[in-house]
Protein backbone atom coordinates (compact mmCIF):
# COMPACT_ATOMS: atom_id res chain seq x y z
CA MET A 1 41.24 72.54 156.72
CA ALA A 2 43.10 71.32 159.73
CA ILE A 3 43.96 67.66 160.15
CA PHE A 4 44.39 66.88 163.79
CA ALA A 5 45.09 63.99 166.13
CA SER A 6 42.54 62.51 168.49
CA ARG A 7 42.59 59.95 171.25
CA ILE A 8 39.94 57.27 171.22
CA GLY A 9 39.78 54.91 174.19
CA ILE A 10 39.31 51.31 173.05
CA ASN A 11 39.77 48.52 175.63
CA ASN A 12 41.93 50.84 177.76
CA ALA A 13 44.27 51.45 174.81
CA THR A 14 44.68 54.84 173.19
CA LEU A 15 44.86 55.16 169.39
CA PHE A 16 45.89 58.34 167.62
CA MET A 17 44.28 58.96 164.29
CA SER A 18 43.05 61.71 161.96
CA THR A 19 39.40 62.34 162.51
CA THR A 20 36.58 64.79 162.00
CA LYS A 21 35.21 67.35 164.41
CA TYR A 22 31.99 66.51 166.25
CA ILE A 23 29.10 68.77 167.23
CA PHE A 24 26.39 67.46 169.57
CA VAL A 25 22.95 69.09 169.74
CA THR A 26 20.94 68.46 172.90
CA GLY A 27 17.59 69.83 174.00
CA GLY A 28 16.16 71.03 177.28
CA VAL A 29 13.03 72.44 178.96
CA SER A 30 10.63 71.26 176.24
CA SER A 31 10.41 68.93 173.26
CA SER A 32 9.62 70.10 169.72
CA LEU A 33 11.90 73.14 169.94
CA GLY A 34 13.45 72.34 166.58
CA LYS A 35 16.79 70.62 167.26
CA GLY A 36 16.66 69.14 163.77
CA ILE A 37 16.18 72.53 162.12
CA ILE A 38 18.99 74.11 164.18
CA ALA A 39 21.30 71.19 163.35
CA ALA A 40 20.39 71.39 159.65
CA SER A 41 20.79 75.19 159.61
CA LEU A 42 24.24 75.06 161.20
CA ALA A 43 25.23 72.28 158.81
CA LYS A 44 24.05 74.41 155.88
CA LEU A 45 26.16 77.36 157.01
CA LEU A 46 29.24 75.18 157.50
CA GLN A 47 28.66 73.54 154.12
CA ALA A 48 28.30 76.99 152.56
CA ARG A 49 31.74 77.82 153.98
CA GLY A 50 33.27 74.85 152.15
CA PHE A 51 33.26 72.18 154.87
CA ARG A 52 32.08 68.64 154.23
CA VAL A 53 29.25 68.13 156.72
CA THR A 54 26.73 65.44 157.61
CA ILE A 55 24.13 65.09 160.36
CA GLN A 56 22.93 62.06 162.29
CA LYS A 57 20.02 61.55 164.69
CA LEU A 58 20.14 59.48 167.88
CA ASP A 59 16.60 58.44 168.79
CA PRO A 60 16.00 57.23 172.36
CA TYR A 61 13.02 54.96 171.67
CA ILE A 62 13.42 51.17 171.85
CA ASN A 63 11.83 50.49 168.46
CA VAL A 64 14.55 49.32 166.07
CA ASP A 65 13.34 51.95 163.59
CA PRO A 66 10.13 53.95 162.98
CA GLY A 67 9.06 51.56 160.20
CA THR A 68 6.32 49.95 162.30
CA LEU A 69 5.23 53.12 164.10
CA ASN A 70 1.84 54.66 163.38
CA PRO A 71 2.24 58.08 161.66
CA TYR A 72 0.08 59.57 164.43
CA GLU A 73 2.70 58.32 166.90
CA HIS A 74 5.89 59.55 165.28
CA GLY A 75 5.01 61.41 162.10
CA GLU A 76 6.39 60.45 158.73
CA CYS A 77 8.77 57.53 158.30
CA TYR A 78 11.56 58.77 156.03
CA VAL A 79 13.39 56.35 153.69
CA THR A 80 16.99 56.67 152.51
CA ASP A 81 18.61 55.42 149.30
CA ASP A 82 20.01 52.36 151.08
CA GLY A 83 16.56 51.36 152.32
CA ALA A 84 16.74 52.55 155.92
CA GLU A 85 13.44 53.52 157.55
CA THR A 86 14.39 56.53 159.63
CA ASP A 87 13.24 59.53 161.64
CA LEU A 88 11.65 62.40 159.70
CA ASP A 89 14.48 64.73 160.77
CA LEU A 90 16.68 63.04 158.16
CA GLY A 91 14.35 64.57 155.59
CA HIS A 92 15.25 68.02 156.93
CA TYR A 93 18.94 67.14 156.75
CA GLU A 94 18.67 66.15 153.09
CA ARG A 95 16.42 69.07 152.11
CA PHE A 96 18.86 71.56 153.62
CA LEU A 97 22.17 70.00 152.55
CA ASN A 98 21.15 68.33 149.26
CA VAL A 99 23.31 65.36 150.34
CA PRO A 100 21.84 61.83 150.71
CA THR A 101 21.76 60.24 154.15
CA SER A 102 22.00 56.54 155.00
CA GLN A 103 21.36 53.96 157.71
CA ALA A 104 24.37 55.35 159.60
CA ASN A 105 22.63 58.72 159.96
CA ASN A 106 19.87 57.35 162.22
CA VAL A 107 20.56 55.35 165.39
CA THR A 108 17.90 54.13 167.81
CA THR A 109 18.15 52.65 171.29
CA GLY A 110 16.47 49.55 169.90
CA ARG A 111 19.21 49.10 167.31
CA ILE A 112 21.92 49.72 169.93
CA TYR A 113 20.58 47.11 172.33
CA GLN A 114 19.87 44.67 169.51
CA SER A 115 23.51 44.89 168.38
CA VAL A 116 24.91 44.49 171.91
CA ILE A 117 22.67 41.51 172.67
CA GLU A 118 23.66 39.82 169.40
CA LYS A 119 27.34 40.28 170.32
CA GLU A 120 26.69 38.84 173.77
CA ARG A 121 24.98 35.79 172.26
CA LYS A 122 28.02 35.22 170.03
CA GLY A 123 30.32 35.34 173.07
CA GLU A 124 32.14 38.46 171.96
CA PHE A 125 32.27 39.81 175.53
CA LEU A 126 34.09 36.69 176.76
CA GLY A 127 31.55 35.91 179.45
CA LYS A 128 31.69 39.32 181.11
CA THR A 129 28.59 40.91 182.59
CA VAL A 130 27.07 43.16 179.93
CA GLN A 131 26.24 46.60 181.31
CA VAL A 132 25.04 50.01 180.15
CA VAL A 133 28.53 51.32 180.93
CA PRO A 134 30.75 50.40 179.15
CA HIS A 135 29.03 48.10 176.64
CA ILE A 136 26.00 50.16 175.61
CA THR A 137 27.94 53.43 175.71
CA ASN A 138 30.78 51.92 173.66
CA GLU A 139 28.28 50.81 171.03
CA ILE A 140 26.78 54.32 170.93
CA LYS A 141 30.22 55.92 170.59
CA GLU A 142 31.07 53.54 167.78
CA ARG A 143 27.86 54.44 165.92
CA ILE A 144 28.50 58.17 166.39
CA GLN A 145 31.96 57.85 164.85
CA ILE A 146 31.07 55.62 161.87
CA LEU A 147 30.39 58.64 159.66
CA GLY A 148 33.58 60.40 160.79
CA ASN A 149 36.03 57.53 160.54
CA ASN A 150 35.80 57.08 156.76
CA GLY A 151 37.30 60.50 156.03
CA ASP A 152 34.34 61.74 153.98
CA TYR A 153 33.40 64.53 156.36
CA ASP A 154 35.15 67.37 158.14
CA ILE A 155 32.31 67.82 160.64
CA VAL A 156 29.66 65.42 161.94
CA ILE A 157 26.68 66.99 163.71
CA THR A 158 24.80 64.61 166.02
CA GLU A 159 21.30 65.47 167.19
CA ILE A 160 20.23 63.68 170.38
CA GLY A 161 16.49 63.10 170.54
CA GLY A 162 14.40 63.90 173.59
CA THR A 163 15.35 66.36 176.32
CA VAL A 164 18.08 66.38 178.96
CA GLY A 165 16.85 64.58 182.06
CA ASP A 166 14.82 61.98 180.18
CA ILE A 167 15.62 58.47 181.40
CA GLU A 168 15.73 57.26 177.79
CA SER A 169 18.40 59.79 176.81
CA LEU A 170 20.83 59.13 179.68
CA PRO A 171 23.00 56.55 177.85
CA TYR A 172 23.44 58.98 174.95
CA ILE A 173 24.40 61.86 177.26
CA GLU A 174 26.90 59.62 179.06
CA SER A 175 28.34 58.52 175.71
CA VAL A 176 28.81 62.15 174.68
CA ARG A 177 30.58 62.85 177.99
CA GLN A 178 32.98 59.98 177.39
CA LEU A 179 33.49 60.82 173.73
CA LYS A 180 34.39 64.46 174.47
CA TRP A 181 37.22 63.19 176.66
CA ASP A 182 38.23 60.57 174.07
CA LEU A 183 38.43 63.15 171.30
CA GLY A 184 40.44 65.67 173.28
CA PRO A 185 40.10 69.47 173.48
CA HIS A 186 38.72 71.53 170.59
CA ASN A 187 37.60 68.45 168.63
CA SER A 188 33.98 68.52 169.79
CA LEU A 189 31.39 70.86 171.23
CA VAL A 190 27.89 70.70 172.69
CA ILE A 191 25.06 72.98 171.57
CA HIS A 192 22.17 73.05 174.02
CA LEU A 193 18.82 74.15 172.58
CA THR A 194 16.50 75.48 175.22
CA LEU A 195 13.33 77.53 175.68
CA ILE A 196 13.10 81.07 177.04
CA PRO A 197 9.37 81.31 177.88
CA TYR A 198 7.49 84.60 177.90
CA LEU A 199 5.09 85.15 180.78
CA SER A 200 2.44 87.58 179.55
CA ALA A 201 1.18 88.26 183.09
CA ALA A 202 4.63 89.45 184.12
CA GLY A 203 5.45 90.88 180.70
CA GLU A 204 8.93 89.39 180.64
CA LEU A 205 11.08 86.53 179.41
CA LYS A 206 12.20 83.98 182.01
CA THR A 207 15.66 82.39 182.05
CA LYS A 208 15.21 80.08 185.04
CA PRO A 209 14.03 77.04 182.97
CA THR A 210 17.18 77.33 180.86
CA GLN A 211 19.38 77.63 183.94
CA HIS A 212 17.86 74.45 185.37
CA SER A 213 18.25 72.64 182.05
CA VAL A 214 21.93 73.56 181.81
CA LYS A 215 22.38 72.51 185.44
CA THR A 216 20.83 69.10 184.66
CA LEU A 217 23.21 68.72 181.73
CA MET A 218 26.16 69.60 183.96
CA GLU A 219 25.05 67.00 186.52
CA SER A 220 25.59 64.45 183.75
CA GLY A 221 29.15 65.73 183.31
CA ILE A 222 28.63 67.92 180.24
CA GLN A 223 29.13 71.66 180.01
CA ALA A 224 27.22 73.30 177.15
CA ASP A 225 29.56 75.24 174.85
CA ILE A 226 26.80 77.12 173.02
CA LEU A 227 23.25 77.99 174.09
CA VAL A 228 20.62 78.36 171.37
CA CYS A 229 17.57 79.99 172.93
CA ARG A 230 14.15 79.50 171.33
CA THR A 231 12.03 82.55 172.01
CA GLU A 232 8.98 84.46 170.84
CA HIS A 233 10.57 87.83 171.70
CA GLU A 234 13.98 89.43 171.16
CA LEU A 235 16.58 88.69 173.83
CA SER A 236 18.09 91.86 175.29
CA GLU A 237 21.83 92.23 175.78
CA GLU A 238 21.20 92.25 179.53
CA LEU A 239 19.37 88.95 179.35
CA LYS A 240 22.14 87.41 177.22
CA GLU A 241 24.70 88.52 179.78
CA LYS A 242 22.62 86.95 182.53
CA LEU A 243 22.37 83.65 180.65
CA ALA A 244 26.10 83.66 179.94
CA LEU A 245 26.90 84.30 183.62
CA PHE A 246 24.56 81.70 185.13
CA CYS A 247 25.06 79.05 182.45
CA ASN A 248 28.84 79.38 182.32
CA VAL A 249 29.14 80.20 178.62
CA GLU A 250 30.60 83.18 176.76
CA LYS A 251 28.15 85.92 175.85
CA GLU A 252 28.81 85.45 172.12
CA ALA A 253 27.82 81.80 172.59
CA VAL A 254 24.28 82.78 173.66
CA ILE A 255 22.40 82.52 170.38
CA GLN A 256 18.86 83.80 169.89
CA SER A 257 16.50 81.64 167.82
CA ILE A 258 13.32 83.65 167.48
CA ASP A 259 10.18 82.32 165.79
CA ALA A 260 10.44 82.41 161.98
CA SER A 261 7.81 82.56 159.24
CA THR A 262 9.40 79.53 157.57
CA ILE A 263 12.05 77.00 158.59
CA TYR A 264 14.05 78.08 155.54
CA ASP A 265 14.71 81.45 157.20
CA VAL A 266 16.60 79.81 160.05
CA PRO A 267 20.03 79.45 158.33
CA ASN A 268 20.11 83.19 157.63
CA MET A 269 18.95 83.93 161.18
CA MET A 270 21.70 81.72 162.61
CA LEU A 271 24.20 83.43 160.29
CA ASP A 272 23.16 86.82 161.68
CA GLU A 273 23.53 85.48 165.23
CA GLY A 274 27.01 84.10 164.45
CA LEU A 275 26.29 80.46 165.32
CA ASP A 276 28.63 79.11 162.64
CA ARG A 277 31.38 81.59 163.53
CA VAL A 278 31.27 80.71 167.24
CA ALA A 279 31.22 76.96 166.47
CA LEU A 280 34.26 77.21 164.19
CA LYS A 281 36.10 79.29 166.78
CA LYS A 282 35.53 76.69 169.48
CA LEU A 283 36.55 73.85 167.15
CA ARG A 284 39.71 75.75 166.09
CA LEU A 285 38.73 75.57 162.42
CA GLU A 286 39.39 78.31 159.92
CA SER A 287 36.96 79.00 157.09
CA LYS A 288 38.40 79.92 153.71
CA SER A 289 35.37 82.05 152.82
CA ASP A 290 32.13 83.55 154.04
CA PRO A 291 29.03 81.35 153.61
CA ASP A 292 27.85 81.19 149.99
CA LEU A 293 24.05 81.15 150.29
CA LYS A 294 23.27 82.50 146.81
CA VAL A 295 21.19 79.49 145.68
CA TRP A 296 19.47 79.28 149.06
CA ASN A 297 18.49 82.95 149.05
CA GLU A 298 17.29 82.81 145.44
CA PHE A 299 14.94 80.02 146.53
CA LEU A 300 13.76 82.11 149.49
CA LYS A 301 13.14 85.11 147.24
CA ARG A 302 10.95 83.08 144.87
CA HIS A 303 9.19 81.40 147.79
CA LYS A 304 8.31 84.72 149.45
CA ASN A 305 7.39 86.58 146.26
CA PRO A 306 5.00 84.32 144.31
CA ARG A 307 3.31 85.59 141.17
CA ALA A 308 0.27 83.33 141.50
CA THR A 309 -1.49 80.95 143.89
CA VAL A 310 -2.77 77.40 143.42
CA GLU A 311 -4.98 75.30 145.69
CA ILE A 312 -3.93 71.67 146.08
CA GLY A 313 -5.97 69.03 147.90
CA LEU A 314 -3.97 66.49 149.90
CA ILE A 315 -6.18 63.43 150.30
CA GLY A 316 -5.00 61.28 153.18
CA LYS A 317 -6.03 59.56 156.36
CA TYR A 318 -3.42 60.99 158.76
CA VAL A 319 -4.13 64.64 157.98
CA GLU A 320 -4.72 65.59 161.63
CA LEU A 321 -0.94 65.45 162.13
CA GLN A 322 0.96 67.53 159.57
CA ASP A 323 4.20 65.66 160.24
CA SER A 324 2.59 62.54 158.76
CA TYR A 325 3.08 64.06 155.29
CA LYS A 326 6.03 66.32 156.07
CA SER A 327 8.08 65.54 152.96
CA ILE A 328 5.09 66.05 150.65
CA LEU A 329 4.33 69.45 152.19
CA GLU A 330 7.97 70.52 151.91
CA SER A 331 8.12 69.28 148.31
CA PHE A 332 5.26 71.64 147.45
CA ILE A 333 7.25 74.53 148.94
CA HIS A 334 10.23 73.63 146.71
CA ALA A 335 8.07 73.13 143.62
CA GLY A 336 6.07 76.27 144.33
CA ALA A 337 9.25 78.35 144.46
CA ALA A 338 10.47 76.78 141.21
CA ASN A 339 7.21 77.91 139.54
CA GLU A 340 7.08 81.21 141.46
CA VAL A 341 3.75 80.06 142.82
CA LYS A 342 2.33 79.93 146.33
CA VAL A 343 0.94 76.44 146.93
CA ASN A 344 -1.91 76.33 149.42
CA VAL A 345 -2.32 72.73 150.56
CA ARG A 346 -5.80 71.84 151.79
CA SER A 347 -5.69 68.65 153.88
CA ILE A 348 -8.78 66.51 153.31
CA HIS A 349 -9.51 63.38 155.33
CA SER A 350 -10.31 60.52 152.96
CA GLU A 351 -12.75 59.01 155.48
CA HIS A 352 -14.94 62.11 155.08
CA ILE A 353 -15.23 61.78 151.29
CA ASN A 354 -18.13 59.95 149.64
CA THR A 355 -20.14 60.07 146.43
CA ASN A 356 -22.62 62.57 147.84
CA ASN A 357 -20.16 65.20 149.09
CA ILE A 358 -17.21 64.77 146.73
CA SER A 359 -17.99 67.93 144.72
CA ASP A 360 -18.22 70.06 147.86
CA GLU A 361 -15.09 68.54 149.46
CA LEU A 362 -12.93 69.12 146.37
CA LYS A 363 -14.51 72.40 145.28
CA GLY A 364 -12.06 75.11 144.22
CA LEU A 365 -9.03 72.84 143.89
CA ASP A 366 -6.48 73.16 141.09
CA GLY A 367 -5.12 69.66 141.64
CA ILE A 368 -5.20 66.75 144.06
CA VAL A 369 -2.59 64.45 145.55
CA VAL A 370 -3.70 61.11 146.91
CA ALA A 371 -1.20 60.37 149.65
CA PRO A 372 0.61 57.18 150.71
CA GLY A 373 -0.63 54.99 153.53
CA PHE A 374 -1.42 51.49 154.71
CA GLY A 375 -4.59 49.63 155.61
CA GLU A 376 -8.24 49.68 154.64
CA ARG A 377 -9.43 52.77 156.51
CA GLY A 378 -10.33 55.69 154.22
CA ILE A 379 -9.70 53.77 151.01
CA GLU A 380 -13.10 54.33 149.38
CA GLY A 381 -12.74 58.09 149.85
CA LYS A 382 -9.40 58.02 148.07
CA ILE A 383 -10.91 56.06 145.18
CA GLU A 384 -13.74 58.61 144.91
CA ALA A 385 -11.18 61.43 144.81
CA VAL A 386 -9.31 59.72 141.97
CA ARG A 387 -12.55 59.28 140.02
CA PHE A 388 -13.40 62.95 140.47
CA ALA A 389 -9.97 64.03 139.19
CA ARG A 390 -10.13 61.67 136.21
CA GLU A 391 -13.64 62.67 135.14
CA ASN A 392 -13.16 66.41 135.67
CA ASP A 393 -9.71 66.86 134.09
CA LEU A 394 -8.29 67.90 137.46
CA PRO A 395 -4.47 67.50 137.69
CA PHE A 396 -3.75 64.37 139.71
CA LEU A 397 -0.69 62.89 141.41
CA GLY A 398 -0.98 59.53 143.17
CA ILE A 399 1.91 58.51 145.42
CA CYS A 400 2.45 54.83 146.36
CA LEU A 401 -0.98 53.84 147.73
CA GLY A 402 -2.36 56.80 145.78
CA MET A 403 -1.11 55.21 142.55
CA GLN A 404 -2.69 51.90 143.56
CA MET A 405 -6.00 53.66 144.20
CA ALA A 406 -5.82 55.09 140.67
CA VAL A 407 -5.43 51.58 139.26
CA ILE A 408 -8.35 50.27 141.34
CA GLU A 409 -10.58 53.19 140.36
CA PHE A 410 -9.82 52.69 136.67
CA ALA A 411 -10.48 48.94 136.92
CA ARG A 412 -13.84 49.48 138.64
CA ASN A 413 -15.21 52.42 136.65
CA VAL A 414 -13.63 52.07 133.21
CA LEU A 415 -12.97 48.35 132.83
CA LYS A 416 -16.16 47.64 134.83
CA LEU A 417 -14.45 45.00 136.97
CA ASP A 418 -16.82 44.82 139.91
CA ASN A 419 -15.17 44.76 143.33
CA ALA A 420 -11.69 45.19 141.86
CA ASN A 421 -9.34 45.86 144.75
CA SER A 422 -5.97 45.32 146.35
CA THR A 423 -5.43 42.09 148.26
CA GLU A 424 -4.22 44.33 151.10
CA MET A 425 -7.80 45.53 151.52
CA ASP A 426 -9.70 42.43 150.32
CA GLU A 427 -7.91 39.08 150.17
CA ASN A 428 -10.88 37.55 148.33
CA THR A 429 -11.36 40.22 145.67
CA PRO A 430 -12.30 38.65 142.28
CA HIS A 431 -10.03 41.16 140.52
CA PRO A 432 -6.76 41.69 142.45
CA VAL A 433 -5.41 44.49 140.27
CA ILE A 434 -3.02 45.27 143.13
CA SER A 435 -1.52 42.22 144.82
CA LEU A 436 1.20 41.08 147.19
CA MET A 437 4.63 40.52 145.71
CA GLU A 438 5.47 36.81 145.57
CA GLU A 439 8.52 37.19 147.83
CA GLN A 440 6.34 38.96 150.45
CA LYS A 441 3.72 36.23 150.85
CA HIS A 442 5.47 34.24 153.56
CA ILE A 443 6.85 37.15 155.61
CA THR A 444 5.61 37.40 159.20
CA ASN A 445 7.95 40.07 160.61
CA MET A 446 6.73 43.46 159.37
CA GLY A 447 9.67 45.73 160.16
CA GLY A 448 12.13 46.43 157.34
CA THR A 449 10.68 43.76 155.04
CA MET A 450 9.01 45.89 152.34
CA ARG A 451 10.50 46.98 149.04
CA LEU A 452 12.67 49.73 150.44
CA GLY A 453 15.24 52.19 149.17
CA SER A 454 16.36 53.26 145.72
CA TRP A 455 15.22 51.26 142.67
CA LYS A 456 15.65 51.83 138.94
CA CYS A 457 12.83 52.80 136.63
CA ASP A 458 12.91 53.05 132.81
CA ILE A 459 10.57 55.68 131.36
CA ILE A 460 8.59 55.03 128.21
CA GLU A 461 8.22 57.80 125.62
CA PRO A 462 6.17 59.74 124.78
CA SER A 463 4.61 60.36 128.16
CA ILE A 464 3.95 63.01 130.77
CA VAL A 465 6.79 61.69 132.93
CA SER A 466 9.30 61.61 130.06
CA THR A 467 8.63 65.33 129.57
CA VAL A 468 8.81 66.00 133.32
CA TYR A 469 12.04 64.12 133.98
CA GLY A 470 13.76 64.77 130.65
CA VAL A 471 15.67 61.46 130.94
CA ARG A 472 14.96 57.83 130.07
CA SER A 473 16.14 56.19 133.32
CA ILE A 474 15.59 57.31 136.92
CA GLN A 475 16.12 56.01 140.45
CA GLU A 476 13.52 56.62 143.13
CA ARG A 477 12.92 55.52 146.72
CA HIS A 478 10.26 52.95 147.62
CA ARG A 479 8.40 51.85 150.72
CA HIS A 480 5.63 49.37 149.99
CA ARG A 481 4.66 45.72 149.96
CA TYR A 482 1.93 45.47 147.30
CA GLU A 483 2.37 45.94 143.54
CA TYR A 484 0.51 46.56 140.28
CA ASN A 485 -0.70 43.14 139.04
CA ASP A 486 0.83 42.66 135.59
CA ALA A 487 -1.92 40.21 134.64
CA TYR A 488 -4.24 43.20 134.12
CA ARG A 489 -1.75 45.41 132.31
CA ASP A 490 -2.87 44.70 128.72
CA ALA A 491 -6.52 45.36 129.53
CA MET A 492 -5.62 48.55 131.42
CA GLU A 493 -3.49 49.90 128.59
CA GLU A 494 -6.06 49.04 125.93
CA ALA A 495 -8.64 51.05 127.91
CA GLY A 496 -6.27 54.03 128.28
CA LEU A 497 -4.27 53.67 131.52
CA ARG A 498 -0.69 53.43 130.29
CA ALA A 499 2.25 51.98 132.19
CA THR A 500 4.98 54.53 131.43
CA GLY A 501 7.57 53.52 134.01
CA ILE A 502 8.94 49.98 134.35
CA ASN A 503 11.52 48.53 136.72
CA PRO A 504 14.14 47.05 134.32
CA ASP A 505 15.19 44.32 136.76
CA THR A 506 11.79 43.04 137.88
CA GLY A 507 9.43 44.18 135.12
CA LEU A 508 7.17 45.71 137.77
CA VAL A 509 5.08 48.74 136.82
CA GLU A 510 6.30 51.88 138.57
CA ILE A 511 4.30 54.64 136.82
CA VAL A 512 0.83 54.84 135.29
CA GLU A 513 -0.76 57.79 133.50
CA LEU A 514 -3.69 58.84 131.34
CA PRO A 515 -2.39 60.40 128.08
CA GLN A 516 -5.82 61.84 127.25
CA HIS A 517 -5.94 63.69 130.59
CA PRO A 518 -4.30 67.15 131.07
CA TRP A 519 -2.05 65.76 133.86
CA PHE A 520 -2.77 62.40 135.51
CA VAL A 521 0.19 60.46 136.97
CA GLY A 522 0.45 57.73 139.59
CA VAL A 523 3.84 56.54 140.88
CA GLN A 524 4.59 53.50 143.02
CA TYR A 525 7.58 55.23 144.63
CA HIS A 526 7.93 58.26 146.92
CA PRO A 527 9.22 61.28 144.97
CA GLU A 528 8.84 63.50 148.04
CA TYR A 529 11.85 61.82 149.67
CA LYS A 530 14.21 63.28 147.05
CA SER A 531 12.99 66.87 146.83
CA THR A 532 15.39 69.47 148.21
CA VAL A 533 15.77 73.24 148.24
CA ALA A 534 18.54 73.05 145.62
CA GLY A 535 16.81 70.28 143.64
CA PRO A 536 12.99 70.45 143.65
CA HIS A 537 11.59 67.13 142.50
CA PRO A 538 10.57 67.29 138.80
CA LEU A 539 7.27 65.46 139.43
CA PHE A 540 6.15 68.06 141.96
CA VAL A 541 7.40 70.88 139.74
CA GLY A 542 5.44 69.46 136.78
CA PHE A 543 2.34 68.87 138.88
CA VAL A 544 2.33 72.43 140.28
CA LYS A 545 2.83 73.79 136.76
CA ALA A 546 -0.22 71.77 135.60
CA ALA A 547 -2.22 73.05 138.58
CA LEU A 548 -1.26 76.61 137.63
CA GLU A 549 -2.53 76.04 134.08
CA HIS A 550 -5.76 74.64 135.52
CA SER A 551 -6.21 77.71 137.73
CA LYS A 552 -5.82 80.00 134.70
CA ASN A 553 -8.43 78.07 132.74
């Protein structure tokens, strides 16, 4: 792989250094076109050719991170090993590449401005007026290059949130313009993802929105190198020639991205369109081999040719927005393929569950997952769902808050501890079986203050989880503030709810299960954050296998 020189402007000086190549992915015409999937698909193809690749997301909102955002507002908050609360697109990056991301892979406008203001307060700008250009743009450029400067990657793909023309995105677009000049020719390229709408009344695809989007990008000083066109219908050669002519790109750089049955088809579709080949050509990089997608395509084959079907109930309170539980849904796709099973996930709102309708709401299920969440709303429905699974030998997986609901349900209905609860829901509960961690009691700022990131867990044998994992020590990602109250542990275990996973550093309970139940596991952590195409999470694989056994019986 070529090592090349680059010029990076720093305080009007020019430094020459070895660096990585940079690919920027922008969007136009409409949001939600799938920039993250295109970025992840291209990264997968480049990785499959032997390049070391990572992806980062630049988010234009002023929140420091999505940690305090309502799931209805922004979808799932994804958590990395180093404890960063990030955009859900980082989940796609990890699921496609099977490579962990970090805080450096997600940058927000809030974090950029926070850093610049802190530097100004320390006097680092020597009394100069702090401005968007050059101070904010310099900070953005520095964040973009953090992943490339350590020599770990050959290519860094940067997805810019929002669409071209948005006021919020302007500093990022300007930073890309500057950085392309800093890096020099052939060391970076811009992929512009745009929409080619189909007008049914006219019976034809329209290119004008894309032309205007490219024009807007050019007004900001950036010429798109590659156009990726989202479409519901095939693009004709004539239409591609028209786009190439009016958008000032080569015809081979007009890439069709037609609707797919699954996001996991997109890498193969982009391979057929030659996206990776065109990108490498423009970056002057030579690939030593064709993309090796053997493992990927074996997964796709199992996913598309299941031998059985299971019905899983996802009990949550943000079910109206599928992105709220994105990683859980994708984990079921991975685990389903591993078991050669199609997993139908039925989303059930926990607020709609009560004692009278529980049997009807959960009828026909082969297993239930009680999802993570915060706050009191919908809690009693989740507890009822846990009780139903426990009493009816229905395979159960509780994640984070779902595990805590399993503890509360057991305390109320087996130990007969009236009004047992979490202090999150009831500060005055007589039996706080779930309570606030001591170090959390005096925290007033909510953002980034929970138990976050990767923590150790020792597994106790024999147990369901020891069979599932096949190892004695694991590391999993956390995002929570309340914990299992160890004061109730002896009584719980004597009655049958075993603690089978313990944090070796804190002694906190991480996993509970019912040995007498066919498959009943609650985990304090988020296993869905570590499930990938190449490495389906063992808990989901084990749970789907148990659901399959239930369906047979």
